[in-house]
């Protein structure tokens, strides 16, 4: 199992991306959090409000999730970071595997 972190500028867009990835069975669930971000972009420091998404899925689905996020995020260089879960409750992992494409 992996957790994919990505930020999206508008919550409405994050909801659309999350629902689409669910319908495609690429993720089992997602969480949304409002975040305040500061970052370098094209030689300037920018401050922004974004929506952080945490997507729960199998490692095998990373490339498809990444492609979908790149296409629909609205960012020129979207944040797409996956972290492999080192320990996961067996019943939760079973649910992740059941709810995502094999």
N, C-alpha and C. Protein backbone atom coordinates (compact mmCIF):
# COMPACT_ATOMS: atom_id res chain seq x y z
N UNK A 1 0.84 -1.18 0.00
CA UNK A 1 0.00 0.00 0.00
C UNK A 1 0.88 1.24 0.00
N UNK A 2 0.42 2.26 -0.73
CA UNK A 2 1.10 3.56 -0.73
C UNK A 2 0.09 4.66 -0.41
N UNK A 3 0.63 5.77 0.06
CA UNK A 3 -0.13 7.00 0.25
C UNK A 3 0.44 7.99 -0.75
N UNK A 4 -0.41 8.55 -1.58
CA UNK A 4 0.02 9.55 -2.55
C UNK A 4 -0.43 10.91 -2.04
N UNK A 5 0.53 11.83 -1.92
CA UNK A 5 0.25 13.20 -1.50
C UNK A 5 0.28 14.10 -2.72
N UNK A 6 -0.72 14.94 -2.85
CA UNK A 6 -0.73 15.93 -3.92
C UNK A 6 -1.49 17.15 -3.44
N UNK A 7 -1.15 18.32 -3.96
CA UNK A 7 -1.89 19.53 -3.64
C UNK A 7 -2.59 20.03 -4.89
N UNK A 8 -3.80 20.55 -4.67
CA UNK A 8 -4.63 21.07 -5.75
C UNK A 8 -5.06 22.47 -5.35
N UNK A 9 -5.09 23.38 -6.30
CA UNK A 9 -5.39 24.78 -5.97
C UNK A 9 -6.81 24.94 -5.41
N UNK A 10 -7.80 24.37 -6.07
CA UNK A 10 -9.19 24.56 -5.65
C UNK A 10 -9.77 23.26 -5.09
N UNK A 11 -10.49 23.38 -3.98
CA UNK A 11 -11.11 22.20 -3.37
C UNK A 11 -12.05 21.51 -4.35
N UNK A 12 -12.81 22.28 -5.13
CA UNK A 12 -13.74 21.68 -6.10
C UNK A 12 -13.00 20.79 -7.08
N UNK A 13 -11.81 21.21 -7.51
CA UNK A 13 -11.01 20.39 -8.43
C UNK A 13 -10.49 19.14 -7.72
N UNK A 14 -10.10 19.27 -6.46
CA UNK A 14 -9.64 18.11 -5.70
C UNK A 14 -10.77 17.08 -5.56
N UNK A 15 -11.97 17.56 -5.31
CA UNK A 15 -13.12 16.65 -5.21
C UNK A 15 -13.36 15.91 -6.53
N UNK A 16 -13.26 16.64 -7.65
CA UNK A 16 -13.45 16.01 -8.96
C UNK A 16 -12.38 14.94 -9.22
N UNK A 17 -11.14 15.26 -8.90
CA UNK A 17 -10.04 14.32 -9.10
C UNK A 17 -10.24 13.09 -8.21
N UNK A 18 -10.55 13.32 -6.94
CA UNK A 18 -10.77 12.21 -6.02
C UNK A 18 -11.89 11.30 -6.46
N UNK A 19 -13.02 11.88 -6.82
CA UNK A 19 -14.17 11.06 -7.27
C UNK A 19 -13.84 10.28 -8.54
N UNK A 20 -13.13 10.92 -9.46
CA UNK A 20 -12.77 10.23 -10.70
C UNK A 20 -11.83 9.06 -10.42
N UNK A 21 -10.84 9.26 -9.56
CA UNK A 21 -9.92 8.16 -9.23
C UNK A 21 -10.64 7.03 -8.52
N UNK A 22 -11.65 7.37 -7.70
CA UNK A 22 -12.47 6.33 -7.06
C UNK A 22 -13.25 5.54 -8.11
N UNK A 23 -13.91 6.26 -9.02
CA UNK A 23 -14.71 5.59 -10.06
C UNK A 23 -13.86 4.70 -10.95
N UNK A 24 -12.62 5.12 -11.20
CA UNK A 24 -11.70 4.32 -12.01
C UNK A 24 -11.10 3.16 -11.22
N UNK A 25 -11.42 3.09 -9.93
CA UNK A 25 -10.91 2.04 -9.02
C UNK A 25 -9.38 2.11 -8.90
N UNK A 26 -8.81 3.31 -9.05
CA UNK A 26 -7.37 3.48 -8.89
C UNK A 26 -6.99 3.76 -7.45
N UNK A 27 -7.95 4.24 -6.66
CA UNK A 27 -7.73 4.47 -5.23
C UNK A 27 -8.91 3.86 -4.46
N UNK A 28 -8.66 3.55 -3.19
CA UNK A 28 -9.74 3.04 -2.34
C UNK A 28 -10.43 4.19 -1.59
N UNK A 29 -9.68 5.24 -1.28
CA UNK A 29 -10.26 6.41 -0.62
C UNK A 29 -9.29 7.58 -0.71
N UNK A 30 -9.80 8.75 -0.33
CA UNK A 30 -8.95 9.93 -0.27
C UNK A 30 -9.38 10.80 0.90
N UNK A 31 -8.45 11.65 1.35
CA UNK A 31 -8.73 12.65 2.37
C UNK A 31 -8.32 14.01 1.83
N UNK A 32 -9.05 15.03 2.23
CA UNK A 32 -8.75 16.41 1.84
C UNK A 32 -8.50 17.26 3.07
N UNK A 33 -7.48 18.13 2.98
CA UNK A 33 -7.14 19.04 4.06
C UNK A 33 -6.84 20.41 3.48
N UNK A 34 -7.39 21.48 4.05
CA UNK A 34 -6.97 22.81 3.61
C UNK A 34 -5.57 23.09 4.16
N UNK A 35 -4.70 23.62 3.31
CA UNK A 35 -3.33 23.94 3.74
C UNK A 35 -2.94 25.32 3.23
N UNK A 36 -2.05 25.94 3.98
CA UNK A 36 -1.42 27.18 3.54
C UNK A 36 -0.02 26.82 3.09
N UNK A 37 0.33 27.17 1.88
CA UNK A 37 1.61 26.79 1.30
C UNK A 37 2.44 28.02 0.96
N UNK A 38 3.75 27.85 1.06
CA UNK A 38 4.70 28.85 0.58
C UNK A 38 5.77 28.09 -0.19
N UNK A 39 6.13 28.59 -1.36
CA UNK A 39 7.06 27.86 -2.21
C UNK A 39 7.72 28.79 -3.22
N UNK A 40 8.87 28.33 -3.71
CA UNK A 40 9.55 29.03 -4.80
C UNK A 40 8.87 28.67 -6.11
N UNK A 41 8.60 29.70 -6.94
CA UNK A 41 8.09 29.44 -8.28
C UNK A 41 8.58 30.54 -9.20
N UNK A 42 9.38 30.13 -10.17
CA UNK A 42 9.92 31.03 -11.19
C UNK A 42 10.60 32.25 -10.57
N UNK A 43 11.47 31.98 -9.58
CA UNK A 43 12.28 33.01 -8.98
C UNK A 43 11.62 33.84 -7.89
N UNK A 44 10.38 33.50 -7.52
CA UNK A 44 9.66 34.26 -6.50
C UNK A 44 9.13 33.30 -5.44
N UNK A 45 9.00 33.82 -4.23
CA UNK A 45 8.33 33.05 -3.19
C UNK A 45 6.84 33.39 -3.24
N UNK A 46 6.02 32.37 -3.37
CA UNK A 46 4.57 32.54 -3.43
C UNK A 46 3.94 31.98 -2.16
N UNK A 47 2.86 32.62 -1.73
CA UNK A 47 2.03 32.12 -0.64
C UNK A 47 0.67 31.77 -1.25
N UNK A 48 0.13 30.62 -0.86
CA UNK A 48 -1.09 30.17 -1.50
C UNK A 48 -1.91 29.31 -0.55
N UNK A 49 -3.20 29.27 -0.79
CA UNK A 49 -4.08 28.32 -0.11
C UNK A 49 -4.35 27.19 -1.10
N UNK A 50 -4.18 25.96 -0.63
CA UNK A 50 -4.36 24.80 -1.48
C UNK A 50 -5.14 23.74 -0.72
N UNK A 51 -5.49 22.68 -1.42
CA UNK A 51 -6.10 21.51 -0.79
C UNK A 51 -5.12 20.36 -0.92
N UNK A 52 -4.74 19.81 0.21
CA UNK A 52 -3.86 18.64 0.22
C UNK A 52 -4.72 17.40 0.10
N UNK A 53 -4.35 16.53 -0.82
CA UNK A 53 -5.04 15.24 -0.98
C UNK A 53 -4.11 14.12 -0.54
N UNK A 54 -4.65 13.18 0.20
CA UNK A 54 -3.95 11.95 0.50
C UNK A 54 -4.77 10.83 -0.11
N UNK A 55 -4.17 10.13 -1.05
CA UNK A 55 -4.83 9.05 -1.79
C UNK A 55 -4.28 7.72 -1.30
N UNK A 56 -5.16 6.77 -1.02
CA UNK A 56 -4.74 5.44 -0.55
C UNK A 56 -4.95 4.43 -1.66
N UNK A 57 -3.86 3.71 -2.01
CA UNK A 57 -3.94 2.78 -3.12
C UNK A 57 -2.82 1.75 -3.04
N UNK A 58 -2.76 0.93 -4.07
CA UNK A 58 -1.67 -0.04 -4.23
C UNK A 58 -0.53 0.61 -5.01
N UNK A 59 0.66 0.14 -4.74
CA UNK A 59 1.84 0.67 -5.43
C UNK A 59 1.70 0.52 -6.95
N UNK A 60 1.08 -0.54 -7.40
CA UNK A 60 0.92 -0.79 -8.84
C UNK A 60 0.07 0.29 -9.53
N UNK A 61 -0.70 1.05 -8.77
CA UNK A 61 -1.56 2.08 -9.36
C UNK A 61 -0.92 3.46 -9.41
N UNK A 62 0.32 3.58 -8.93
CA UNK A 62 0.95 4.90 -8.87
C UNK A 62 1.02 5.57 -10.24
N UNK A 63 1.51 4.90 -11.25
CA UNK A 63 1.71 5.54 -12.56
C UNK A 63 0.40 6.07 -13.14
N UNK A 64 -0.68 5.30 -13.01
CA UNK A 64 -1.98 5.75 -13.53
C UNK A 64 -2.51 6.94 -12.73
N UNK A 65 -2.35 6.89 -11.41
CA UNK A 65 -2.76 8.03 -10.58
C UNK A 65 -1.94 9.26 -10.94
N UNK A 66 -0.64 9.09 -11.09
CA UNK A 66 0.26 10.19 -11.44
C UNK A 66 -0.17 10.82 -12.76
N UNK A 67 -0.44 10.00 -13.76
CA UNK A 67 -0.86 10.53 -15.06
C UNK A 67 -2.15 11.32 -14.96
N UNK A 68 -3.10 10.78 -14.19
CA UNK A 68 -4.39 11.47 -14.04
C UNK A 68 -4.20 12.81 -13.35
N UNK A 69 -3.42 12.83 -12.27
CA UNK A 69 -3.18 14.07 -11.54
C UNK A 69 -2.49 15.09 -12.43
N UNK A 70 -1.46 14.67 -13.16
CA UNK A 70 -0.75 15.60 -14.05
C UNK A 70 -1.70 16.23 -15.07
N UNK A 71 -2.62 15.44 -15.58
CA UNK A 71 -3.54 15.92 -16.61
C UNK A 71 -4.61 16.85 -16.04
N UNK A 72 -5.02 16.63 -14.78
CA UNK A 72 -6.18 17.35 -14.25
C UNK A 72 -5.89 18.30 -13.08
N UNK A 73 -4.65 18.40 -12.64
CA UNK A 73 -4.35 19.22 -11.46
C UNK A 73 -4.41 20.72 -11.73
N UNK A 74 -4.12 21.13 -12.94
CA UNK A 74 -4.05 22.55 -13.25
C UNK A 74 -2.68 23.16 -12.97
N UNK A 75 -1.77 22.36 -12.43
CA UNK A 75 -0.43 22.86 -12.14
C UNK A 75 0.54 22.45 -13.25
N UNK A 76 1.48 23.34 -13.54
CA UNK A 76 2.53 23.05 -14.50
C UNK A 76 3.45 21.94 -13.96
N UNK A 77 3.74 22.00 -12.67
CA UNK A 77 4.57 21.00 -12.00
C UNK A 77 3.83 20.57 -10.72
N UNK A 78 2.92 19.60 -10.83
CA UNK A 78 2.17 19.21 -9.64
C UNK A 78 3.01 18.41 -8.65
N UNK A 79 2.69 18.59 -7.39
CA UNK A 79 3.30 17.76 -6.34
C UNK A 79 2.63 16.39 -6.40
N UNK A 80 3.44 15.36 -6.60
CA UNK A 80 2.94 13.98 -6.58
C UNK A 80 4.00 13.15 -5.88
N UNK A 81 3.74 12.82 -4.63
CA UNK A 81 4.72 12.10 -3.81
C UNK A 81 4.05 10.87 -3.23
N UNK A 82 4.67 9.72 -3.40
CA UNK A 82 4.14 8.48 -2.83
C UNK A 82 5.03 8.01 -1.70
N UNK A 83 4.40 7.57 -0.64
CA UNK A 83 5.10 7.00 0.50
C UNK A 83 4.57 5.60 0.71
N UNK A 84 5.48 4.64 0.75
CA UNK A 84 5.07 3.26 0.96
C UNK A 84 4.82 3.04 2.45
N UNK A 85 3.67 2.48 2.76
CA UNK A 85 3.33 2.20 4.15
C UNK A 85 4.12 0.97 4.61
N UNK A 86 4.88 1.12 5.69
CA UNK A 86 5.69 0.00 6.17
C UNK A 86 4.88 -0.97 7.03
N UNK A 87 3.85 -0.47 7.66
CA UNK A 87 2.98 -1.32 8.47
C UNK A 87 1.54 -0.88 8.26
N UNK A 88 0.69 -1.85 7.96
CA UNK A 88 -0.73 -1.57 7.72
C UNK A 88 -1.55 -2.69 8.36
N UNK A 89 -2.62 -2.30 9.03
CA UNK A 89 -3.53 -3.29 9.58
C UNK A 89 -4.00 -4.23 8.47
N UNK A 90 -3.99 -5.53 8.73
CA UNK A 90 -4.31 -6.52 7.69
C UNK A 90 -5.72 -6.33 7.13
N UNK A 91 -6.68 -6.04 7.98
CA UNK A 91 -8.04 -5.88 7.47
C UNK A 91 -8.16 -4.63 6.60
N UNK A 92 -7.45 -3.55 6.97
CA UNK A 92 -7.47 -2.33 6.16
C UNK A 92 -6.78 -2.56 4.82
N UNK A 93 -5.65 -3.26 4.85
CA UNK A 93 -4.94 -3.58 3.61
C UNK A 93 -5.80 -4.45 2.71
N UNK A 94 -6.51 -5.40 3.30
CA UNK A 94 -7.43 -6.23 2.51
C UNK A 94 -8.50 -5.40 1.84
N UNK A 95 -9.00 -4.39 2.55
CA UNK A 95 -10.02 -3.51 1.99
C UNK A 95 -9.43 -2.69 0.84
N UNK A 96 -8.22 -2.16 1.02
CA UNK A 96 -7.55 -1.40 -0.05
C UNK A 96 -7.43 -2.28 -1.30
N UNK A 97 -6.95 -3.49 -1.12
CA UNK A 97 -6.77 -4.40 -2.25
C UNK A 97 -8.09 -4.76 -2.91
N UNK A 98 -9.14 -4.92 -2.13
CA UNK A 98 -10.46 -5.29 -2.67
C UNK A 98 -11.07 -4.15 -3.49
N UNK A 99 -10.84 -2.92 -3.05
CA UNK A 99 -11.51 -1.78 -3.66
C UNK A 99 -10.74 -1.13 -4.80
N UNK A 100 -9.55 -1.60 -5.10
CA UNK A 100 -8.79 -1.03 -6.21
C UNK A 100 -8.54 -2.10 -7.26
N UNK A 101 -8.25 -1.62 -8.47
CA UNK A 101 -7.99 -2.56 -9.59
C UNK A 101 -6.81 -3.45 -9.28
N UNK A 102 -6.88 -4.64 -9.78
CA UNK A 102 -5.79 -5.61 -9.57
C UNK A 102 -4.79 -5.51 -10.70
